[in-house]
Amino acid sequence: METQNTVSGLAGGKSFRAETTLNAGNRQSQVKIYSFTQNNMNYAMLISSYPGTPVLVIIVIPADQYNASQAWMVSTITGIQFR
């Protein structure tokens, strides 16, 4: 529940764009993508949660770098190892 509250707080005031599920080892990662503008610059924010854990991965990048950054972002999100 605390993870959900954190996600809600981080996403507040941002535009929801998409949601997807990725495999992260022996778990699923739920990734939500948001956009927002700050100081006249557009950003993309990815919030990845792993149900049943308190783990969150949060990535914020300039929106114009989103497509070029997809490989390392997916690698980061799916590279989390759980014991």
PDB file of N, CA and C in Angstrom:
ATOM      1  N   MET A   1       0.823  -1.197   0.000  1.00  0.00           N
ATOM      2  CA  MET A   1       0.000   0.000   0.000  1.00  0.00           C
ATOM      3  C   MET A   1       0.862   1.254   0.000  1.00  0.00           C
ATOM      4  N   GLU A   2       1.970   1.219   0.728  1.00  0.00           N
ATOM      5  CA  GLU A   2       2.850   2.380   0.783  1.00  0.00           C
ATOM      6  C   GLU A   2       3.439   2.683  -0.596  1.00  0.00           C
ATOM      7  N   THR A   3       3.766   1.642  -1.345  1.00  0.00           N
ATOM      8  CA  THR A   3       4.289   1.827  -2.700  1.00  0.00           C
ATOM      9  C   THR A   3       3.253   2.519  -3.573  1.00  0.00           C
ATOM     10  N   GLN A   4       1.997   2.113  -3.464  1.00  0.00           N
ATOM     11  CA  GLN A   4       0.912   2.735  -4.232  1.00  0.00           C
ATOM     12  C   GLN A   4       0.789   4.216  -3.897  1.00  0.00           C
ATOM     13  N   ASN A   5       0.893   4.549  -2.622  1.00  0.00           N
ATOM     14  CA  ASN A   5       0.812   5.952  -2.198  1.00  0.00           C
ATOM     15  C   ASN A   5       1.959   6.763  -2.774  1.00  0.00           C
ATOM     16  N   THR A   6       3.143   6.172  -2.805  1.00  0.00           N
ATOM     17  CA  THR A   6       4.309   6.852  -3.367  1.00  0.00           C
ATOM     18  C   THR A   6       4.103   7.103  -4.850  1.00  0.00           C
ATOM     19  N   VAL A   7       3.627   6.096  -5.572  1.00  0.00           N
ATOM     20  CA  VAL A   7       3.367   6.245  -7.013  1.00  0.00           C
ATOM     21  C   VAL A   7       2.327   7.334  -7.237  1.00  0.00           C
ATOM     22  N   SER A   8       1.268   7.319  -6.469  1.00  0.00           N
ATOM     23  CA  SER A   8       0.215   8.335  -6.607  1.00  0.00           C
ATOM     24  C   SER A   8       0.771   9.730  -6.367  1.00  0.00           C
ATOM     25  N   GLY A   9       1.616   9.871  -5.358  1.00  0.00           N
ATOM     26  CA  GLY A   9       2.213  11.166  -5.067  1.00  0.00           C
ATOM     27  C   GLY A   9       3.126  11.643  -6.175  1.00  0.00           C
ATOM     28  N   LEU A  10       3.937  10.754  -6.707  1.00  0.00           N
ATOM     29  CA  LEU A  10       4.851  11.115  -7.787  1.00  0.00           C
ATOM     30  C   LEU A  10       4.109  11.464  -9.069  1.00  0.00           C
ATOM     31  N   ALA A  11       3.011  10.772  -9.328  1.00  0.00           N
ATOM     32  CA  ALA A  11       2.265  10.966 -10.571  1.00  0.00           C
ATOM     33  C   ALA A  11       1.327  12.168 -10.523  1.00  0.00           C
ATOM     34  N   GLY A  12       1.101  12.706  -9.349  1.00  0.00           N
ATOM     35  CA  GLY A  12       0.171  13.822  -9.195  1.00  0.00           C
ATOM     36  C   GLY A  12       0.535  15.000 -10.090  1.00  0.00           C
ATOM     37  N   GLY A  13      -0.426  15.475 -10.855  1.00  0.00           N
ATOM     38  CA  GLY A  13      -0.221  16.620 -11.728  1.00  0.00           C
ATOM     39  C   GLY A  13       0.450  16.303 -13.048  1.00  0.00           C
ATOM     40  N   LYS A  14       0.750  15.028 -13.274  1.00  0.00           N
ATOM     41  CA  LYS A  14       1.394  14.625 -14.525  1.00  0.00           C
ATOM     42  C   LYS A  14       0.380  13.919 -15.422  1.00  0.00           C
ATOM     43  N   SER A  15       0.622  13.933 -16.720  1.00  0.00           N
ATOM     44  CA  SER A  15      -0.300  13.304 -17.680  1.00  0.00           C
ATOM     45  C   SER A  15       0.074  11.843 -17.877  1.00  0.00           C
ATOM     46  N   PHE A  16      -0.885  10.951 -17.597  1.00  0.00           N
ATOM     47  CA  PHE A  16      -0.675   9.520 -17.818  1.00  0.00           C
ATOM     48  C   PHE A  16      -0.636   9.253 -19.310  1.00  0.00           C
ATOM     49  N   ARG A  17       0.346   8.491 -19.777  1.00  0.00           N
ATOM     50  CA  ARG A  17       0.506   8.210 -21.206  1.00  0.00           C
ATOM     51  C   ARG A  17       0.305   6.740 -21.560  1.00  0.00           C
ATOM     52  N   ALA A  18       0.845   5.836 -20.747  1.00  0.00           N
ATOM     53  CA  ALA A  18       0.767   4.412 -21.102  1.00  0.00           C
ATOM     54  C   ALA A  18       1.125   3.557 -19.893  1.00  0.00           C
ATOM     55  N   GLU A  19       0.815   2.273 -20.029  1.00  0.00           N
ATOM     56  CA  GLU A  19       1.167   1.294 -19.002  1.00  0.00           C
ATOM     57  C   GLU A  19       1.537   0.000 -19.704  1.00  0.00           C
ATOM     58  N   THR A  20       2.547  -0.685 -19.189  1.00  0.00           N
ATOM     59  CA  THR A  20       2.948  -1.967 -19.763  1.00  0.00           C
ATOM     60  C   THR A  20       3.483  -2.860 -18.651  1.00  0.00           C
ATOM     61  N   THR A  21       3.629  -4.129 -18.947  1.00  0.00           N
ATOM     62  CA  THR A  21       4.183  -5.095 -18.010  1.00  0.00           C
ATOM     63  C   THR A  21       5.421  -5.719 -18.639  1.00  0.00           C
ATOM     64  N   LEU A  22       6.495  -5.794 -17.860  1.00  0.00           N
ATOM     65  CA  LEU A  22       7.743  -6.407 -18.322  1.00  0.00           C
ATOM     66  C   LEU A  22       8.143  -7.506 -17.344  1.00  0.00           C
ATOM     67  N   ASN A  23       8.851  -8.514 -17.838  1.00  0.00           N
ATOM     68  CA  ASN A  23       9.393  -9.555 -16.973  1.00  0.00           C
ATOM     69  C   ASN A  23      10.690  -9.061 -16.358  1.00  0.00           C
ATOM     70  N   ALA A  24      10.782  -9.194 -15.055  1.00  0.00           N
ATOM     71  CA  ALA A  24      11.984  -8.809 -14.321  1.00  0.00           C
ATOM     72  C   ALA A  24      12.422 -10.007 -13.493  1.00  0.00           C
ATOM     73  N   GLY A  25      13.203 -10.863 -14.090  1.00  0.00           N
ATOM     74  CA  GLY A  25      13.612 -12.085 -13.405  1.00  0.00           C
ATOM     75  C   GLY A  25      12.403 -12.960 -13.142  1.00  0.00           C
ATOM     76  N   ASN A  26      12.189 -13.295 -11.867  1.00  0.00           N
ATOM     77  CA  ASN A  26      11.061 -14.152 -11.500  1.00  0.00           C
ATOM     78  C   ASN A  26       9.819 -13.347 -11.106  1.00  0.00           C
ATOM     79  N   ARG A  27       9.802 -12.065 -11.442  1.00  0.00           N
ATOM     80  CA  ARG A  27       8.666 -11.199 -11.108  1.00  0.00           C
ATOM     81  C   ARG A  27       8.221 -10.401 -12.325  1.00  0.00           C
ATOM     82  N   GLN A  28       7.072  -9.788 -12.174  1.00  0.00           N
ATOM     83  CA  GLN A  28       6.543  -8.886 -13.185  1.00  0.00           C
ATOM     84  C   GLN A  28       6.774  -7.445 -12.730  1.00  0.00           C
ATOM     85  N   SER A  29       7.090  -6.591 -13.673  1.00  0.00           N
ATOM     86  CA  SER A  29       7.220  -5.169 -13.384  1.00  0.00           C
ATOM     87  C   SER A  29       6.077  -4.442 -14.074  1.00  0.00           C
ATOM     88  N   GLN A  30       5.364  -3.616 -13.333  1.00  0.00           N
ATOM     89  CA  GLN A  30       4.304  -2.795 -13.914  1.00  0.00           C
ATOM     90  C   GLN A  30       4.873  -1.404 -14.125  1.00  0.00           C
ATOM     91  N   VAL A  31       4.938  -0.996 -15.388  1.00  0.00           N
ATOM     92  CA  VAL A  31       5.550   0.278 -15.742  1.00  0.00           C
ATOM     93  C   VAL A  31       4.471   1.252 -16.190  1.00  0.00           C
ATOM     94  N   LYS A  32       4.442   2.413 -15.554  1.00  0.00           N
ATOM     95  CA  LYS A  32       3.523   3.477 -15.940  1.00  0.00           C
ATOM     96  C   LYS A  32       4.349   4.641 -16.456  1.00  0.00           C
ATOM     97  N   ILE A  33       3.889   5.221 -17.560  1.00  0.00           N
ATOM     98  CA  ILE A  33       4.624   6.305 -18.209  1.00  0.00           C
ATOM     99  C   ILE A  33       3.790   7.580 -18.145  1.00  0.00           C
ATOM    100  N   TYR A  34       4.439   8.645 -17.720  1.00  0.00           N
ATOM    101  CA  TYR A  34       3.788   9.945 -17.574  1.00  0.00           C
ATOM    102  C   TYR A  34       4.601  11.003 -18.310  1.00  0.00           C
ATOM    103  N   SER A  35       3.956  12.125 -18.600  1.00  0.00           N
ATOM    104  CA  SER A  35       4.679  13.268 -19.152  1.00  0.00           C
ATOM    105  C   SER A  35       4.328  14.503 -18.338  1.00  0.00           C
ATOM    106  N   PHE A  36       5.261  15.445 -18.347  1.00  0.00           N
ATOM    107  CA  PHE A  36       5.019  16.705 -17.663  1.00  0.00           C
ATOM    108  C   PHE A  36       5.984  17.759 -18.198  1.00  0.00           C
ATOM    109  N   THR A  37       5.661  19.002 -17.926  1.00  0.00           N
ATOM    110  CA  THR A  37       6.507  20.124 -18.328  1.00  0.00           C
ATOM    111  C   THR A  37       6.983  20.838 -17.072  1.00  0.00           C
ATOM    112  N   GLN A  38       8.270  21.165 -17.063  1.00  0.00           N
ATOM    113  CA  GLN A  38       8.849  21.901 -15.939  1.00  0.00           C
ATOM    114  C   GLN A  38       9.902  22.849 -16.506  1.00  0.00           C
ATOM    115  N   ASN A  39       9.834  24.106 -16.111  1.00  0.00           N
ATOM    116  CA  ASN A  39      10.780  25.122 -16.601  1.00  0.00           C
ATOM    117  C   ASN A  39      10.845  25.149 -18.129  1.00  0.00           C
ATOM    118  N   ASN A  40       9.673  25.097 -18.764  1.00  0.00           N
ATOM    119  CA  ASN A  40       9.554  25.138 -20.228  1.00  0.00           C
ATOM    120  C   ASN A  40      10.217  23.967 -20.937  1.00  0.00           C
ATOM    121  N   MET A  41      10.427  22.851 -20.244  1.00  0.00           N
ATOM    122  CA  MET A  41      11.005  21.664 -20.853  1.00  0.00           C
ATOM    123  C   MET A  41      10.076  20.481 -20.609  1.00  0.00           C
ATOM    124  N   ASN A  42       9.876  19.655 -21.642  1.00  0.00           N
ATOM    125  CA  ASN A  42       9.012  18.481 -21.543  1.00  0.00           C
ATOM    126  C   ASN A  42       9.822  17.272 -21.069  1.00  0.00           C
ATOM    127  N   TYR A  43       9.221  16.511 -20.150  1.00  0.00           N
ATOM    128  CA  TYR A  43       9.875  15.336 -19.585  1.00  0.00           C
ATOM    129  C   TYR A  43       8.976  14.110 -19.694  1.00  0.00           C
ATOM    130  N   ALA A  44       9.618  12.949 -19.701  1.00  0.00           N
ATOM    131  CA  ALA A  44       8.930  11.667 -19.562  1.00  0.00           C
ATOM    132  C   ALA A  44       9.358  11.086 -18.218  1.00  0.00           C
ATOM    133  N   MET A  45       8.411  10.482 -17.522  1.00  0.00           N
ATOM    134  CA  MET A  45       8.709   9.832 -16.250  1.00  0.00           C
ATOM    135  C   MET A  45       8.155   8.417 -16.288  1.00  0.00           C
ATOM    136  N   LEU A  46       9.010   7.457 -15.997  1.00  0.00           N
ATOM    137  CA  LEU A  46       8.605   6.060 -15.902  1.00  0.00           C
ATOM    138  C   LEU A  46       8.659   5.654 -14.444  1.00  0.00           C
ATOM    139  N   ILE A  47       7.591   5.041 -13.977  1.00  0.00           N
ATOM    140  CA  ILE A  47       7.557   4.512 -12.617  1.00  0.00           C
ATOM    141  C   ILE A  47       7.291   3.016 -12.733  1.00  0.00           C
ATOM    142  N   SER A  48       8.255   2.248 -12.300  1.00  0.00           N
ATOM    143  CA  SER A  48       8.145   0.799 -12.376  1.00  0.00           C
ATOM    144  C   SER A  48       7.983   0.237 -10.967  1.00  0.00           C
ATOM    145  N   SER A  49       6.916  -0.521 -10.776  1.00  0.00           N
ATOM    146  CA  SER A  49       6.690  -1.170  -9.480  1.00  0.00           C
ATOM    147  C   SER A  49       6.710  -2.679  -9.671  1.00  0.00           C
ATOM    148  N   TYR A  50       6.985  -3.365  -8.595  1.00  0.00           N
ATOM    149  CA  TYR A  50       7.109  -4.821  -8.609  1.00  0.00           C
ATOM    150  C   TYR A  50       6.170  -5.356  -7.538  1.00  0.00           C
ATOM    151  N   PRO A  51       4.953  -5.773  -7.943  1.00  0.00           N
ATOM    152  CA  PRO A  51       3.941  -6.192  -6.968  1.00  0.00           C
ATOM    153  C   PRO A  51       4.481  -7.198  -5.950  1.00  0.00           C
ATOM    154  N   GLY A  52       4.104  -6.977  -4.701  1.00  0.00           N
ATOM    155  CA  GLY A  52       4.543  -7.842  -3.620  1.00  0.00           C
ATOM    156  C   GLY A  52       5.877  -7.417  -3.024  1.00  0.00           C
ATOM    157  N   THR A  53       6.443  -6.318  -3.551  1.00  0.00           N
ATOM    158  CA  THR A  53       7.715  -5.809  -3.022  1.00  0.00           C
ATOM    159  C   THR A  53       7.572  -4.306  -2.777  1.00  0.00           C
ATOM    160  N   PRO A  54       8.481  -3.733  -1.991  1.00  0.00           N
ATOM    161  CA  PRO A  54       8.466  -2.281  -1.793  1.00  0.00           C
ATOM    162  C   PRO A  54       9.336  -1.549  -2.829  1.00  0.00           C
ATOM    163  N   VAL A  55       9.775  -2.257  -3.866  1.00  0.00           N
ATOM    164  CA  VAL A  55      10.734  -1.707  -4.830  1.00  0.00           C
ATOM    165  C   VAL A  55      10.049  -0.848  -5.887  1.00  0.00           C
ATOM    166  N   LEU A  56      10.627   0.337  -6.122  1.00  0.00           N
ATOM    167  CA  LEU A  56      10.215   1.217  -7.216  1.00  0.00           C
ATOM    168  C   LEU A  56      11.460   1.633  -7.992  1.00  0.00           C
ATOM    169  N   VAL A  57      11.336   1.709  -9.301  1.00  0.00           N
ATOM    170  CA  VAL A  57      12.371   2.300 -10.142  1.00  0.00           C
ATOM    171  C   VAL A  57      11.724   3.508 -10.799  1.00  0.00           C
ATOM    172  N   ILE A  58      12.334   4.669 -10.632  1.00  0.00           N
ATOM    173  CA  ILE A  58      11.784   5.909 -11.176  1.00  0.00           C
ATOM    174  C   ILE A  58      12.824   6.511 -12.109  1.00  0.00           C
ATOM    175  N   ILE A  59      12.424   6.758 -13.337  1.00  0.00           N
ATOM    176  CA  ILE A  59      13.315   7.351 -14.333  1.00  0.00           C
ATOM    177  C   ILE A  59      12.651   8.596 -14.885  1.00  0.00           C
ATOM    178  N   VAL A  60      13.364   9.706 -14.860  1.00  0.00           N
ATOM    179  CA  VAL A  60      12.881  10.962 -15.443  1.00  0.00           C
ATOM    180  C   VAL A  60      13.920  11.410 -16.461  1.00  0.00           C
ATOM    181  N   ILE A  61      13.464  11.628 -17.702  1.00  0.00           N
ATOM    182  CA  ILE A  61      14.368  12.062 -18.769  1.00  0.00           C
ATOM    183  C   ILE A  61      13.676  13.116 -19.622  1.00  0.00           C
ATOM    184  N   PRO A  62      14.462  13.937 -20.326  1.00  0.00           N
ATOM    185  CA  PRO A  62      13.845  14.862 -21.281  1.00  0.00           C
ATOM    186  C   PRO A  62      13.052  14.069 -22.322  1.00  0.00           C
ATOM    187  N   ALA A  63      11.866  14.548 -22.635  1.00  0.00           N
ATOM    188  CA  ALA A  63      10.982  13.814 -23.547  1.00  0.00           C
ATOM    189  C   ALA A  63      11.626  13.553 -24.899  1.00  0.00           C
ATOM    190  N   ASP A  64      12.455  14.475 -25.372  1.00  0.00           N
ATOM    191  CA  ASP A  64      13.065  14.280 -26.686  1.00  0.00           C
ATOM    192  C   ASP A  64      14.139  13.189 -26.685  1.00  0.00           C
ATOM    193  N   GLN A  65      14.501  12.673 -25.521  1.00  0.00           N
ATOM    194  CA  GLN A  65      15.470  11.580 -25.426  1.00  0.00           C
ATOM    195  C   GLN A  65      14.808  10.237 -25.126  1.00  0.00           C
ATOM    196  N   TYR A  66      13.479  10.235 -25.031  1.00  0.00           N
ATOM    197  CA  TYR A  66      12.755   9.018 -24.649  1.00  0.00           C
ATOM    198  C   TYR A  66      13.028   7.857 -25.604  1.00  0.00           C
ATOM    199  N   ASN A  67      12.822   8.056 -26.901  1.00  0.00           N
ATOM    200  CA  ASN A  67      13.005   6.956 -27.853  1.00  0.00           C
ATOM    201  C   ASN A  67      14.432   6.430 -27.856  1.00  0.00           C
ATOM    202  N   ALA A  68      15.401   7.312 -27.840  1.00  0.00           N
ATOM    203  CA  ALA A  68      16.805   6.899 -27.860  1.00  0.00           C
ATOM    204  C   ALA A  68      17.223   6.207 -26.561  1.00  0.00           C
ATOM    205  N   SER A  69      16.473   6.397 -25.493  1.00  0.00           N
ATOM    206  CA  SER A  69      16.826   5.848 -24.180  1.00  0.00           C
ATOM    207  C   SER A  69      16.114   4.543 -23.843  1.00  0.00           C
ATOM    208  N   GLN A  70      15.239   4.077 -24.712  1.00  0.00           N
ATOM    209  CA  GLN A  70      14.425   2.916 -24.369  1.00  0.00           C
ATOM    210  C   GLN A  70      15.238   1.679 -24.023  1.00  0.00           C
ATOM    211  N   ALA A  71      16.322   1.427 -24.731  1.00  0.00           N
ATOM    212  CA  ALA A  71      17.105   0.207 -24.469  1.00  0.00           C
ATOM    213  C   ALA A  71      17.648   0.186 -23.047  1.00  0.00           C
ATOM    214  N   TRP A  72      18.289   1.268 -22.611  1.00  0.00           N
ATOM    215  CA  TRP A  72      18.856   1.241 -21.265  1.00  0.00           C
ATOM    216  C   TRP A  72      17.777   1.319 -20.193  1.00  0.00           C
ATOM    217  N   MET A  73      16.645   1.982 -20.483  1.00  0.00           N
ATOM    218  CA  MET A  73      15.574   2.039 -19.487  1.00  0.00           C
ATOM    219  C   MET A  73      14.973   0.650 -19.272  1.00  0.00           C
ATOM    220  N   VAL A  74      14.701  -0.076 -20.355  1.00  0.00           N
ATOM    221  CA  VAL A  74      14.147  -1.434 -20.224  1.00  0.00           C
ATOM    222  C   VAL A  74      15.149  -2.335 -19.509  1.00  0.00           C
ATOM    223  N   SER A  75      16.419  -2.209 -19.845  1.00  0.00           N
ATOM    224  CA  SER A  75      17.450  -3.008 -19.187  1.00  0.00           C
ATOM    225  C   SER A  75      17.504  -2.728 -17.688  1.00  0.00           C
ATOM    226  N   THR A  76      17.375  -1.479 -17.313  1.00  0.00           N
ATOM    227  CA  THR A  76      17.380  -1.100 -15.895  1.00  0.00           C
ATOM    228  C   THR A  76      16.177  -1.699 -15.177  1.00  0.00           C
ATOM    229  N   ILE A  77      15.005  -1.569 -15.771  1.00  0.00           N
ATOM    230  CA  ILE A  77      13.762  -2.047 -15.154  1.00  0.00           C
ATOM    231  C   ILE A  77      13.742  -3.565 -15.039  1.00  0.00           C
ATOM    232  N   THR A  78      14.191  -4.260 -16.075  1.00  0.00           N
ATOM    233  CA  THR A  78      14.134  -5.725 -16.069  1.00  0.00           C
ATOM    234  C   THR A  78      15.348  -6.360 -15.399  1.00  0.00           C
ATOM    235  N   GLY A  79      16.376  -5.565 -15.110  1.00  0.00           N
ATOM    236  CA  GLY A  79      17.587  -6.098 -14.504  1.00  0.00           C
ATOM    237  C   GLY A  79      17.552  -6.210 -12.994  1.00  0.00           C
ATOM    238  N   ILE A  80      16.473  -5.771 -12.371  1.00  0.00           N
ATOM    239  CA  ILE A  80      16.342  -5.889 -10.913  1.00  0.00           C
ATOM    240  C   ILE A  80      16.326  -7.379 -10.552  1.00  0.00           C
ATOM    241  N   GLN A  81      17.130  -7.752  -9.562  1.00  0.00           N
ATOM    242  CA  GLN A  81      17.185  -9.153  -9.135  1.00  0.00           C
ATOM    243  C   GLN A  81      16.602  -9.297  -7.733  1.00  0.00           C
ATOM    244  N   PHE A  82      15.714 -10.250  -7.601  1.00  0.00           N
ATOM    245  CA  PHE A  82      15.075 -10.528  -6.317  1.00  0.00           C
ATOM    246  C   PHE A  82      15.583 -11.862  -5.797  1.00  0.00           C
ATOM    247  N   ARG A  83      15.693 -11.962  -4.483  1.00  0.00           N
ATOM    248  CA  ARG A  83      16.153 -13.221  -3.865  1.00  0.00           C
ATOM    249  C   ARG A  83      14.997 -13.970  -3.292  1.00  0.00           C
TER     250      ARG A  83
END
